[in-house]
Amino acid sequence: MTANLDNLAQFFRQWDKPVVILDLETTGGNFQRDRITEIAFLHFWQGEITPVSHLVNPTIPIQAFVSQLTGIDDAMVRDAPLWPELLPDVLPYLRGSLLIAHNSRFDYTFLRQECRRAGVAFAASALCSVQLSRKLYPQFHKHSLDSIIERHGLPIDLRHRAMSDVAALAQFLQLALHEKGAGAWTQFAGQLYSPRLPPPHLPPKVQAALPLFSDDFGISIWRNAAGEVLNILPHEHAYREVVALLCRLPAWAAGVAEIAFETAVGSLHAAVLCAERRLEFGGVHNEATSYHTVRWAQADNGALQAQIRPLSAGCFSAPPCGLFAYPKQAKRLLSAWAAAHGLCPRLLNILPTSIPADAPCPVVASGQTCSDACMHNDIATHNRAVQAALADFPLGDWGKHARLQITETDELSQQQHTWLFHSGALQRHDGRWYVDKNIIQIIKHKIKQKHEGVQAAF
């Protein structure tokens, strides 16, 4: 099988990383529900070719049409090892390699999902040979593996068995190398990597870290040669996003000597992890969040007054009082709240800007009766009324409930995390409240989507 692939092996020998030609068979085509039943690949490194092939017990039934197509049925895989049991045998070959597969998105996604289900981070750069065939042979309309085998007269033993398909694909890649030349092969491949290849000449610690990333939710921690933290970033597809940054920002990345990765179960967990690490390393500043809130302060006469202020990121002893998109919204909602609870707008300091601060109460000036606190200038009564009405304070852009308990679950690994939020702020383990615009945006999206993990907390 490998003896007649010498030219391909020599071509791959020029590369700075191993190459794996891969094929998977599965119970079906659903990335969330279906599982791997067979994995086979040829591992190319420094002129050596290592074949690896395993049946896998998927723990779920194989769909009938898939068994008819592949010849793999439930009985064949019943005594095969489970995927987590196979990982020590296959992961060292796959990590840090370039994966080549026919419709690589299918194989790469299944690998990611199975590893994630097993609680193991996995990511790699990949090349789709369907797309490569289209680039190298644009005169042909069909580029399925069946079409390629027929068109080029490639020998094959059992179609839709993993190693047979791998062998046929390897023969095609070698044939294309011979017919189109190494230059065209390399040029077109360079346009198709997804995830893309990391740039060459990365620092040793960065090169060593990238294969340990997942291509799912998580955070990356970037350090310079002195070990100082340069940046901490949340990710949805960590590997491909970090590689893209390394490729797109070479001048900035030149100062990076080390990158660490921490996995997360979802977007909110990644944002919270990012915030915690930034606090740990002193990287959080009181930057604006684009939202506003109300701060309560005592006037010279002791009256509680509402002050509409920009909401800054950072840690606070108490959660925000309302979350508003802009000051006009806050004042409008405050005015309606004050009217509903019989609170004096002058004492609250929420008069329209057109009315001087020392002007008489506009409610009284209009001939209406204001609150007893206003009529008798009873500051203590005013303050008690404000405190009592805070239970019904407008939440603005936050939603229906001030306090929310939010749980985020990884459906594959079943890991989950739960947090308490109040008006956009996260309650930390030390009792303080942390505000971050990314966290607010993620929560607001979950609320809008009616995410099942969002519940009112009382």
Protein backbone atom coordinates (compact mmCIF):
# COMPACT_ATOMS: atom_id res chain seq x y z
CA MET A 1 0.00 0.00 0.00
CA THR A 2 2.77 2.46 0.88
CA ALA A 3 5.57 1.19 -1.39
CA ASN A 4 4.22 2.98 -4.48
CA LEU A 5 3.82 6.34 -2.71
CA ASP A 6 7.53 7.19 -2.60
CA ASN A 7 7.19 10.33 -4.72
CA LEU A 8 4.44 11.70 -2.47
CA ALA A 9 6.47 10.83 0.62
CA GLN A 10 9.50 12.69 -0.74
CA PHE A 11 7.34 15.70 -1.60
CA PHE A 12 5.90 15.83 1.91
CA ARG A 13 9.42 15.44 3.33
CA GLN A 14 10.12 19.06 2.37
CA TRP A 15 7.39 20.27 4.71
CA ASP A 16 8.05 21.31 8.31
CA LYS A 17 5.19 19.22 9.74
CA PRO A 18 3.79 15.71 9.31
CA VAL A 19 1.01 15.11 6.78
CA VAL A 20 -1.90 12.76 7.45
CA ILE A 21 -4.17 11.51 4.66
CA LEU A 22 -7.33 10.58 6.53
CA ASP A 23 -10.74 9.00 6.13
CA LEU A 24 -13.51 8.28 8.63
CA GLU A 25 -16.61 6.13 8.51
CA THR A 26 -19.47 7.12 10.79
CA THR A 27 -22.93 6.03 11.92
CA GLY A 28 -24.45 8.88 9.88
CA GLY A 29 -23.94 12.48 8.88
CA ASN A 30 -25.19 14.40 11.93
CA PHE A 31 -22.23 16.07 13.67
CA GLN A 32 -23.99 16.25 17.04
CA ARG A 33 -25.64 12.84 17.16
CA ASP A 34 -23.56 10.46 15.03
CA ARG A 35 -20.25 8.83 15.94
CA ILE A 36 -17.11 7.44 14.29
CA THR A 37 -17.11 3.73 13.41
CA GLU A 38 -13.74 3.53 11.61
CA ILE A 39 -10.64 5.69 11.31
CA ALA A 40 -7.77 5.12 8.89
CA PHE A 41 -4.87 7.30 7.81
CA LEU A 42 -1.41 7.36 6.32
CA HIS A 43 1.05 9.40 8.37
CA PHE A 44 3.89 10.95 6.32
CA TRP A 45 6.95 12.27 8.14
CA GLN A 46 10.56 12.61 6.99
CA GLY A 47 10.06 10.16 4.14
CA GLU A 48 8.46 7.49 6.35
CA ILE A 49 4.85 6.37 5.86
CA THR A 50 2.94 4.87 8.79
CA PRO A 51 -0.48 3.30 8.13
CA VAL A 52 -3.00 3.31 11.01
CA SER A 53 -6.47 1.76 10.91
CA HIS A 54 -9.00 1.02 13.63
CA LEU A 55 -12.64 0.10 13.95
CA VAL A 56 -14.39 2.09 16.67
CA ASN A 57 -17.32 1.13 18.87
CA PRO A 58 -19.69 4.11 18.39
CA THR A 59 -21.95 3.10 21.30
CA ILE A 60 -25.00 3.90 19.14
CA PRO A 61 -26.59 1.91 16.28
CA ILE A 62 -25.28 2.36 12.74
CA GLN A 63 -27.96 3.55 10.35
CA ALA A 64 -29.06 0.85 7.91
CA PHE A 65 -28.22 2.73 4.74
CA VAL A 66 -24.73 3.46 6.13
CA SER A 67 -24.14 -0.25 6.82
CA GLN A 68 -25.22 -1.07 3.27
CA LEU A 69 -22.83 1.56 1.93
CA THR A 70 -19.74 0.74 4.02
CA GLY A 71 -20.27 -2.90 4.97
CA ILE A 72 -19.72 -1.97 8.62
CA ASP A 73 -22.56 -3.15 10.83
CA ASP A 74 -23.23 -3.16 14.57
CA ALA A 75 -21.78 -6.65 15.04
CA MET A 76 -18.43 -5.64 13.49
CA VAL A 77 -17.86 -2.81 15.95
CA ARG A 78 -19.44 -4.32 19.06
CA ASP A 79 -16.09 -5.46 20.47
CA ALA A 80 -14.03 -2.63 18.98
CA PRO A 81 -12.40 -0.10 21.34
CA LEU A 82 -14.25 3.04 22.33
CA TRP A 83 -12.97 6.35 20.97
CA PRO A 84 -11.41 7.48 24.29
CA GLU A 85 -9.54 4.16 24.42
CA LEU A 86 -8.12 4.77 20.94
CA LEU A 87 -6.95 8.31 21.59
CA PRO A 88 -3.50 7.34 22.97
CA ASP A 89 -2.87 5.42 19.71
CA VAL A 90 -4.11 7.98 17.18
CA LEU A 91 -3.77 11.42 18.78
CA PRO A 92 0.07 11.56 18.66
CA TYR A 93 -0.14 11.09 14.88
CA LEU A 94 -2.90 13.63 14.34
CA ARG A 95 -1.76 16.46 16.59
CA GLY A 96 0.55 18.92 14.90
CA SER A 97 -0.07 17.39 11.47
CA LEU A 98 -1.70 18.71 8.33
CA LEU A 99 -4.85 16.67 7.72
CA ILE A 100 -5.85 15.92 4.12
CA ALA A 101 -9.27 14.41 3.54
CA HIS A 102 -11.88 14.28 0.80
CA ASN A 103 -14.45 16.80 2.11
CA SER A 104 -12.19 17.59 5.04
CA ARG A 105 -14.89 19.56 6.88
CA PHE A 106 -16.76 16.30 7.50
CA ASP A 107 -13.77 14.38 8.86
CA TYR A 108 -12.30 17.31 10.78
CA THR A 109 -15.61 18.16 12.47
CA PHE A 110 -16.20 14.56 13.53
CA LEU A 111 -12.67 14.37 14.97
CA ARG A 112 -13.22 17.59 16.91
CA GLN A 113 -16.59 16.45 18.22
CA GLU A 114 -15.40 13.02 19.32
CA CYS A 115 -12.37 14.51 21.09
CA ARG A 116 -14.53 17.15 22.74
CA ARG A 117 -16.96 14.47 23.88
CA ALA A 118 -14.00 12.66 25.45
CA GLY A 119 -12.84 15.85 27.17
CA VAL A 120 -9.70 16.16 25.02
CA ALA A 121 -8.70 19.30 23.12
CA PHE A 122 -7.97 18.75 19.43
CA ALA A 123 -7.28 21.01 16.47
CA ALA A 124 -5.23 20.80 13.29
CA SER A 125 -4.85 22.52 9.95
CA ALA A 126 -6.74 20.74 7.17
CA LEU A 127 -6.81 20.58 3.39
CA CYS A 128 -9.86 19.46 1.42
CA SER A 129 -8.84 17.28 -1.55
CA VAL A 130 -12.22 17.92 -3.22
CA GLN A 131 -11.34 21.61 -3.46
CA LEU A 132 -7.76 20.80 -4.48
CA SER A 133 -9.03 18.60 -7.31
CA ARG A 134 -11.26 21.43 -8.52
CA LYS A 135 -8.27 23.76 -8.60
CA LEU A 136 -5.93 21.30 -10.32
CA TYR A 137 -8.49 19.88 -12.77
CA PRO A 138 -11.00 22.70 -13.45
CA GLN A 139 -12.01 21.11 -16.77
CA PHE A 140 -13.92 18.39 -14.90
CA HIS A 141 -17.33 18.92 -13.35
CA LYS A 142 -17.38 16.08 -10.79
CA HIS A 143 -14.78 15.73 -8.05
CA SER A 144 -16.24 13.07 -5.76
CA LEU A 145 -13.86 10.28 -4.84
CA ASP A 146 -15.83 7.89 -7.07
CA SER A 147 -15.43 10.29 -10.01
CA ILE A 148 -11.69 10.71 -9.34
CA ILE A 149 -11.15 6.95 -9.05
CA GLU A 150 -12.98 6.32 -12.32
CA ARG A 151 -11.42 9.26 -14.19
CA HIS A 152 -7.84 8.40 -13.28
CA GLY A 153 -8.24 4.62 -13.23
CA LEU A 154 -7.09 4.30 -9.62
CA PRO A 155 -6.97 0.83 -8.06
CA ILE A 156 -9.18 0.30 -5.00
CA ASP A 157 -10.14 -2.71 -2.92
CA LEU A 158 -13.26 -1.85 -0.94
CA ARG A 159 -14.93 1.49 -1.62
CA HIS A 160 -16.26 3.24 1.53
CA ARG A 161 -13.90 1.40 3.84
CA ALA A 162 -11.59 3.93 5.44
CA MET A 163 -8.15 2.60 4.53
CA SER A 164 -9.15 1.73 0.96
CA ASP A 165 -10.42 5.28 0.46
CA VAL A 166 -7.24 6.66 2.03
CA ALA A 167 -5.12 4.60 -0.36
CA ALA A 168 -7.12 5.79 -3.37
CA LEU A 169 -6.86 9.42 -2.24
CA ALA A 170 -3.10 9.10 -1.71
CA GLN A 171 -2.71 7.65 -5.23
CA PHE A 172 -4.67 10.59 -6.65
CA LEU A 173 -2.55 13.14 -4.77
CA GLN A 174 0.65 11.52 -6.09
CA LEU A 175 -0.77 11.41 -9.62
CA ALA A 176 -1.76 15.09 -9.41
CA LEU A 177 1.74 15.90 -8.15
CA HIS A 178 3.21 14.17 -11.22
CA GLU A 179 0.78 15.70 -13.74
CA LYS A 180 0.55 19.25 -12.40
CA GLY A 181 3.91 19.64 -10.67
CA ALA A 182 4.89 20.51 -7.12
CA GLY A 183 4.54 24.25 -7.77
CA ALA A 184 0.88 24.14 -8.76
CA TRP A 185 0.08 21.56 -6.07
CA THR A 186 1.63 23.77 -3.37
CA GLN A 187 0.18 27.01 -4.74
CA PHE A 188 -3.41 25.81 -4.83
CA ALA A 189 -3.12 23.95 -1.53
CA GLY A 190 -1.95 27.19 0.08
CA GLN A 191 -5.24 28.82 -0.88
CA LEU A 192 -7.38 26.08 0.64
CA TYR A 193 -6.16 25.28 4.15
CA SER A 194 -9.04 25.46 6.63
CA PRO A 195 -8.07 25.90 9.40
CA ARG A 196 -5.06 27.52 7.80
CA LEU A 197 -1.46 26.57 8.44
CA PRO A 198 0.38 28.50 11.15
CA PRO A 199 3.05 30.85 9.81
CA PRO A 200 6.61 29.49 9.66
CA HIS A 201 9.37 30.29 12.15
CA LEU A 202 7.16 30.63 15.21
CA PRO A 203 8.85 30.65 18.63
CA PRO A 204 9.38 27.10 19.94
CA LYS A 205 6.87 27.44 22.80
CA VAL A 206 4.20 28.74 20.42
CA GLN A 207 4.82 25.84 18.01
CA ALA A 208 4.54 23.39 20.90
CA ALA A 209 1.34 24.97 22.24
CA LEU A 210 -0.76 25.16 19.05
CA PRO A 211 -1.33 21.37 18.70
CA LEU A 212 -2.75 21.37 22.25
CA PHE A 213 -5.48 23.87 21.36
CA SER A 214 -9.02 22.89 20.58
CA ASP A 215 -10.89 24.49 17.70
CA ASP A 216 -13.80 25.24 20.00
CA PHE A 217 -14.61 27.67 22.82
CA GLY A 218 -11.78 28.79 25.05
CA ILE A 219 -9.31 31.56 25.80
CA SER A 220 -5.73 32.23 24.73
CA ILE A 221 -3.12 33.86 26.97
CA TRP A 222 -0.28 35.59 25.10
CA ARG A 223 3.08 36.24 26.81
CA ASN A 224 6.37 37.80 25.79
CA ALA A 225 9.84 36.37 26.42
CA ALA A 226 9.86 37.83 29.93
CA GLY A 227 6.65 35.96 30.77
CA GLU A 228 4.59 39.16 30.88
CA VAL A 229 0.99 38.84 29.70
CA LEU A 230 0.45 40.77 26.46
CA ASN A 231 -3.19 39.88 25.88
CA ILE A 232 -5.98 37.50 26.87
CA LEU A 233 -8.62 36.73 24.26
CA PRO A 234 -11.90 34.76 24.23
CA HIS A 235 -12.56 32.45 21.28
CA GLU A 236 -15.33 30.49 19.64
CA HIS A 237 -12.92 28.58 17.38
CA ALA A 238 -9.69 28.98 19.30
CA TYR A 239 -7.18 27.27 17.01
CA ARG A 240 -8.24 28.90 13.76
CA GLU A 241 -8.66 32.32 15.37
CA VAL A 242 -5.22 32.24 17.01
CA VAL A 243 -3.54 31.03 13.82
CA ALA A 244 -5.32 33.78 11.87
CA LEU A 245 -4.01 36.37 14.35
CA LEU A 246 -0.47 35.01 14.04
CA CYS A 247 -0.72 35.24 10.24
CA ARG A 248 -2.45 38.62 10.12
CA LEU A 249 -0.39 40.45 12.75
CA PRO A 250 3.22 39.38 12.21
CA ALA A 251 4.71 42.55 13.69
CA TRP A 252 2.65 42.27 16.89
CA ALA A 253 3.06 38.49 17.02
CA ALA A 254 6.84 38.90 16.81
CA GLY A 255 6.77 39.95 20.46
CA VAL A 256 4.94 36.78 21.48
CA ALA A 257 7.07 34.00 22.93
CA GLU A 258 4.38 31.79 24.43
CA ILE A 259 0.65 31.15 24.06
CA ALA A 260 -1.43 29.14 26.53
CA PHE A 261 -4.93 27.79 25.99
CA GLU A 262 -7.81 27.12 28.37
CA THR A 263 -10.93 25.34 27.17
CA ALA A 264 -14.48 26.58 27.80
CA VAL A 265 -17.93 25.04 27.44
CA GLY A 266 -19.42 27.98 25.55
CA SER A 267 -19.22 31.64 24.62
CA LEU A 268 -20.25 32.92 28.07
CA HIS A 269 -17.79 30.63 29.86
CA ALA A 270 -15.03 31.85 27.54
CA ALA A 271 -15.91 35.50 28.24
CA VAL A 272 -16.01 34.87 32.01
CA LEU A 273 -12.69 32.99 31.91
CA CYS A 274 -11.17 35.84 29.93
CA ALA A 275 -12.40 38.37 32.49
CA GLU A 276 -11.10 36.32 35.44
CA ARG A 277 -7.66 35.95 33.89
CA ARG A 278 -7.49 39.64 33.02
CA LEU A 279 -8.32 40.49 36.62
CA GLU A 280 -5.72 38.00 37.80
CA PHE A 281 -3.02 39.56 35.63
CA GLY A 282 -4.11 43.16 36.16
CA GLY A 283 -5.28 43.74 32.62
CA VAL A 284 -8.75 45.16 33.30
CA HIS A 285 -9.19 48.91 33.21
CA ASN A 286 -12.29 51.00 33.83
CA GLU A 287 -13.15 51.31 30.17
CA ALA A 288 -16.63 52.27 29.00
CA THR A 289 -19.09 49.53 28.08
CA SER A 290 -21.34 51.73 25.85
CA TYR A 291 -24.10 51.33 28.48
CA HIS A 292 -25.29 53.64 31.26
CA THR A 293 -26.53 52.99 34.77
CA VAL A 294 -27.78 54.91 37.81
CA ARG A 295 -25.58 55.72 40.77
CA TRP A 296 -27.21 56.93 43.97
CA ALA A 297 -25.72 59.84 45.88
CA GLN A 298 -26.83 62.20 48.63
CA ALA A 299 -27.31 65.87 47.80
CA ASP A 300 -26.17 68.59 50.17
CA ASN A 301 -29.56 68.41 51.89
CA GLY A 302 -29.20 64.63 52.30
CA ALA A 303 -31.75 63.66 49.64
CA LEU A 304 -31.05 60.54 47.60
CA GLN A 305 -30.51 61.57 43.99
CA ALA A 306 -30.22 59.50 40.82
CA GLN A 307 -27.07 60.15 38.80
CA ILE A 308 -27.02 58.70 35.29
CA ARG A 309 -23.45 57.64 34.57
CA PRO A 310 -21.56 55.61 31.93
CA LEU A 311 -21.15 52.00 33.02
CA SER A 312 -17.46 51.13 33.15
CA ALA A 313 -15.87 47.69 33.02
CA GLY A 314 -14.31 46.43 36.23
CA CYS A 315 -15.14 45.16 39.71
CA PHE A 316 -17.60 46.88 42.05
CA SER A 317 -18.90 46.29 45.56
CA ALA A 318 -22.52 46.41 44.33
CA PRO A 319 -24.22 45.57 41.03
CA PRO A 320 -25.41 48.30 38.65
CA CYS A 321 -28.81 49.89 39.23
CA GLY A 322 -30.38 49.36 35.83
CA LEU A 323 -28.74 48.93 32.43
CA PHE A 324 -29.57 51.59 29.87
CA ALA A 325 -28.56 52.00 26.23
CA TYR A 326 -28.25 55.80 26.49
CA PRO A 327 -28.94 58.61 29.03
CA LYS A 328 -32.24 59.71 27.48
CA GLN A 329 -33.63 56.21 27.88
CA ALA A 330 -32.54 56.17 31.52
CA LYS A 331 -34.13 59.55 32.28
CA ARG A 332 -37.36 58.61 30.51
CA LEU A 333 -37.69 55.35 32.45
CA LEU A 334 -36.69 57.04 35.71
CA SER A 335 -39.36 59.69 35.22
CA ALA A 336 -42.04 57.06 34.63
CA TRP A 337 -40.84 55.10 37.67
CA ALA A 338 -40.88 58.20 39.86
CA ALA A 339 -44.40 59.11 38.74
CA ALA A 340 -45.65 55.56 39.40
CA HIS A 341 -44.27 55.64 42.95
CA GLY A 342 -45.12 59.26 43.79
CA LEU A 343 -41.51 60.39 44.01
CA CYS A 344 -40.55 64.01 43.51
CA PRO A 345 -38.50 64.51 40.29
CA ARG A 346 -36.82 67.59 41.79
CA LEU A 347 -35.60 65.73 44.87
CA LEU A 348 -34.51 62.84 42.64
CA ASN A 349 -32.59 65.25 40.38
CA ILE A 350 -34.21 63.92 37.19
CA LEU A 351 -35.60 67.22 35.95
CA PRO A 352 -35.35 67.98 32.24
CA THR A 353 -32.16 69.86 31.38
CA SER A 354 -34.28 72.85 30.37
CA ILE A 355 -35.35 73.35 34.01
CA PRO A 356 -32.73 74.92 36.35
CA ALA A 357 -31.69 72.76 39.27
CA ASP A 358 -32.84 75.38 41.78
CA ALA A 359 -36.26 75.81 40.14
CA PRO A 360 -39.42 74.89 42.07
CA CYS A 361 -40.80 71.40 41.67
CA PRO A 362 -42.39 71.28 38.19
CA VAL A 363 -45.21 69.07 39.50
CA VAL A 364 -46.21 71.73 42.04
CA ALA A 365 -45.65 74.51 39.49
CA SER A 366 -48.13 72.85 37.16
CA GLY A 367 -50.82 72.99 39.85
CA GLN A 368 -50.64 69.31 40.80
CA THR A 369 -49.86 67.73 44.15
CA CYS A 370 -46.40 66.23 44.53
CA SER A 371 -45.24 63.86 47.25
CA ASP A 372 -45.55 64.68 50.95
CA ALA A 373 -41.75 64.69 51.09
CA CYS A 374 -41.70 67.39 48.44
CA MET A 375 -44.54 69.46 49.88
CA HIS A 376 -42.99 69.46 53.37
CA ASN A 377 -39.33 69.16 52.31
CA ASP A 378 -39.18 65.96 54.36
CA ILE A 379 -35.87 64.43 53.20
CA ALA A 380 -36.08 61.38 55.48
CA THR A 381 -39.50 60.46 54.08
CA HIS A 382 -38.20 60.96 50.53
CA ASN A 383 -35.24 58.65 51.16
CA ARG A 384 -37.44 55.93 52.66
CA ALA A 385 -39.79 56.13 49.68
CA VAL A 386 -36.89 55.84 47.23
CA GLN A 387 -35.50 52.80 49.05
CA ALA A 388 -38.92 51.13 49.03
CA ALA A 389 -39.44 51.83 45.33
CA LEU A 390 -36.06 50.36 44.30
CA ALA A 391 -37.61 46.88 44.27
CA ASP A 392 -39.51 48.02 41.19
CA PHE A 393 -36.65 49.98 39.62
CA PRO A 394 -36.60 49.97 35.78
CA LEU A 395 -34.11 47.51 34.31
CA GLY A 396 -33.82 49.20 30.93
CA ASP A 397 -32.08 47.00 28.37
CA TRP A 398 -31.49 44.14 30.80
CA GLY A 399 -34.83 42.34 30.63
CA LYS A 400 -37.65 41.41 32.98
CA HIS A 401 -35.66 40.23 36.01
CA ALA A 402 -32.79 42.03 37.71
CA ARG A 403 -31.14 38.79 38.86
CA LEU A 404 -30.51 35.91 36.49
CA GLN A 405 -28.96 32.51 37.02
CA ILE A 406 -27.38 31.34 33.78
CA THR A 407 -26.10 27.83 33.12
CA GLU A 408 -24.03 26.98 30.08
CA THR A 409 -23.62 23.31 29.12
CA ASP A 410 -21.40 21.55 26.60
CA GLU A 411 -23.88 19.14 25.03
CA LEU A 412 -21.11 16.72 24.03
CA SER A 413 -19.04 16.45 27.22
CA GLN A 414 -21.96 17.44 29.52
CA GLN A 415 -19.68 19.81 31.42
CA GLN A 416 -21.53 22.87 32.69
CA HIS A 417 -20.99 26.11 34.58
CA THR A 418 -23.51 28.32 36.40
CA TRP A 419 -23.25 32.03 37.29
CA LEU A 420 -25.37 34.71 38.97
CA PHE A 421 -25.84 38.05 37.19
CA HIS A 422 -27.51 41.27 38.29
CA SER A 423 -28.28 43.98 35.71
CA GLY A 424 -25.40 42.85 33.53
CA ALA A 425 -22.85 42.29 36.31
CA LEU A 426 -21.33 38.92 37.22
CA GLN A 427 -21.09 37.94 40.88
CA ARG A 428 -17.56 36.70 41.51
CA HIS A 429 -16.46 34.15 44.09
CA ASP A 430 -15.26 36.97 46.38
CA GLY A 431 -18.73 38.58 46.40
CA ARG A 432 -17.80 41.52 44.18
CA TRP A 433 -19.60 42.30 40.94
CA TYR A 434 -17.77 42.37 37.63
CA VAL A 435 -18.93 44.30 34.55
CA ASP A 436 -17.71 43.54 31.04
CA LYS A 437 -19.30 44.59 27.75
CA ASN A 438 -18.62 41.24 26.04
CA ILE A 439 -20.36 39.37 28.85
CA ILE A 440 -23.35 41.73 28.69
CA GLN A 441 -23.70 41.25 24.93
CA ILE A 442 -23.57 37.45 25.23
CA ILE A 443 -26.19 37.42 27.99
CA LYS A 444 -28.50 39.77 26.09
CA HIS A 445 -28.24 37.44 23.10
CA LYS A 446 -29.12 34.44 25.30
CA ILE A 447 -32.11 36.33 26.73
CA LYS A 448 -33.28 37.28 23.24
CA GLN A 449 -32.94 33.69 22.05
CA LYS A 450 -34.78 32.44 25.16
CA HIS A 451 -31.90 30.16 26.01
CA GLU A 452 -33.00 27.33 28.29
CA GLY A 453 -30.07 27.95 30.65
CA VAL A 454 -31.36 31.43 31.60
CA GLN A 455 -33.56 31.52 34.71
CA ALA A 456 -34.76 34.28 37.04
CA ALA A 457 -33.00 34.25 40.41
CA PHE A 458 -34.76 35.61 43.48
